[in-house]
Amino acid sequence: PGRLFENEINEMLSEDLFRKVTHFHTLYPWAQIGLWLGMVCSMLCCGVLGGLYYASNFPSTPWMWRVYSGPAVLCVPACFVALVMKR
């Protein structure tokens, strides 16, 4: 009788595990998209804040903010490319 009870428990656990794995596979792509969109937002924020900082502290050298904030803003298209290639 004890063995039959263990088999029933194992069956119920495997069905529950299957539901959880199926649920995981439906949510994982959305989590990946959220991650990449968060990276895009952080790169845009770094570019804008860096540009504002250097534009206000070095007003006589306009190339200063372009040199320091340009690479951060240029990473945004790279994030979109990585997002598209990931799918």
Protein backbone atom coordinates (compact mmCIF):
# COMPACT_ATOMS: atom_id res chain seq x y z
CA PRO A 1 0.00 0.00 0.00
CA GLY A 2 2.86 2.43 0.74
CA ARG A 3 4.33 2.04 -2.74
CA LEU A 4 1.05 2.87 -4.44
CA PHE A 5 0.78 6.04 -2.41
CA GLU A 6 4.31 7.11 -3.46
CA ASN A 7 3.46 6.54 -7.13
CA GLU A 8 0.35 8.71 -6.84
CA ILE A 9 2.40 11.47 -5.18
CA ASN A 10 5.05 11.25 -7.90
CA GLU A 11 2.36 11.49 -10.57
CA MET A 12 0.80 14.57 -9.01
CA LEU A 13 4.20 16.23 -8.59
CA SER A 14 5.17 15.54 -12.20
CA GLU A 15 1.92 17.07 -13.47
CA ASP A 16 2.48 20.15 -11.30
CA LEU A 17 6.07 20.41 -12.51
CA PHE A 18 4.91 20.20 -16.12
CA ARG A 19 2.48 23.08 -15.52
CA LYS A 20 5.24 25.17 -13.95
CA VAL A 21 7.66 24.50 -16.82
CA THR A 22 4.99 25.40 -19.36
CA HIS A 23 4.27 28.61 -17.46
CA PHE A 24 8.00 29.38 -17.38
CA HIS A 25 8.31 28.99 -21.14
CA THR A 26 5.48 31.45 -21.71
CA LEU A 27 6.93 34.11 -19.39
CA TYR A 28 10.63 33.81 -20.27
CA PRO A 29 10.47 35.68 -23.63
CA TRP A 30 8.67 38.56 -21.92
CA ALA A 31 11.34 38.67 -19.23
CA GLN A 32 14.05 38.80 -21.90
CA ILE A 33 12.31 41.68 -23.68
CA GLY A 34 11.98 43.53 -20.37
CA LEU A 35 15.67 43.02 -19.68
CA TRP A 36 16.76 44.41 -23.04
CA LEU A 37 14.36 47.34 -22.85
CA GLY A 38 15.77 48.13 -19.41
CA MET A 39 19.25 48.16 -20.91
CA VAL A 40 18.10 50.53 -23.64
CA CYS A 41 16.56 52.89 -21.08
CA SER A 42 19.67 52.87 -18.91
CA MET A 43 21.92 53.64 -21.89
CA LEU A 44 19.68 56.52 -22.95
CA CYS A 45 19.66 57.84 -19.39
CA CYS A 46 23.47 57.65 -19.20
CA GLY A 47 23.80 59.46 -22.51
CA VAL A 48 21.39 62.24 -21.61
CA LEU A 49 22.70 62.80 -18.08
CA GLY A 50 26.32 62.68 -19.23
CA GLY A 51 25.58 65.15 -22.01
CA LEU A 52 23.83 67.54 -19.62
CA TYR A 53 26.65 67.32 -17.11
CA TYR A 54 29.41 68.03 -19.62
CA ALA A 55 27.40 70.70 -21.46
CA SER A 56 26.88 72.64 -18.22
CA ASN A 57 30.42 72.20 -16.82
CA PHE A 58 32.27 72.75 -20.09
CA PRO A 59 30.20 75.32 -22.02
CA SER A 60 33.16 76.55 -24.08
CA THR A 61 33.92 73.08 -25.48
CA PRO A 62 30.78 71.63 -27.10
CA TRP A 63 32.69 68.58 -28.35
CA MET A 64 33.18 67.47 -24.74
CA TRP A 65 29.58 66.33 -24.20
CA ARG A 66 29.43 64.78 -27.65
CA VAL A 67 32.55 62.70 -27.03
CA TYR A 68 31.43 61.44 -23.62
CA SER A 69 27.72 60.90 -24.26
CA GLY A 70 27.99 59.75 -27.87
CA PRO A 71 29.18 56.18 -27.14
CA ALA A 72 26.45 55.69 -24.55
CA VAL A 73 23.76 56.78 -27.00
CA LEU A 74 25.30 54.69 -29.79
CA CYS A 75 24.84 51.57 -27.65
CA VAL A 76 21.07 51.92 -27.94
CA PRO A 77 20.89 50.64 -31.54
CA ALA A 78 23.26 47.84 -30.54
CA CYS A 79 20.79 46.83 -27.82
CA PHE A 80 17.95 46.75 -30.34
CA VAL A 81 20.06 44.67 -32.74
CA ALA A 82 20.88 42.25 -29.92
CA LEU A 83 17.19 42.05 -28.99
CA VAL A 84 16.18 41.22 -32.56
CA MET A 85 18.96 38.66 -33.02
CA LYS A 86 18.13 37.04 -29.67
CA ARG A 87 14.63 36.14 -30.84
